């Protein structure tokens, strides 16, 4: 049971941060100043895609935990989700963490925390 709690906490953090990505999209794009319409669309697309991807990862982890957390498919989802979050954390360290804006600096820690919780849920 405690492993399921870890899965749920990891998924809620991931879903929450994904949702948090969606709300400031317009102001993030405005923060780039006068750029071409193509660049505005690309930034908007990428910002929304990261939010949707995080929501999806969290929902899949929570979904397999609700259905059955002890089968090969669930194990694959837990491990692949944790690896994906770790990769996102590494990318964030070398990109967003360098930006002088607190939410960007939180990304690597939140991604890592979610990945660790999911892996601990699997191990325990």
Foldseek 3Di string as FASTA:
>chain_A
DVLLVLLLVLLVLLLVVLVVLLVCLVVVLCVVPDDDPVVSVVSSVVSNVSSVVSNVLSCVSNVCSVVPCPDPVNVVSLQVSLVVLQVQLVVLVVPQCPDPDVVSVCSNVSSNSSSVSSVVSVVD
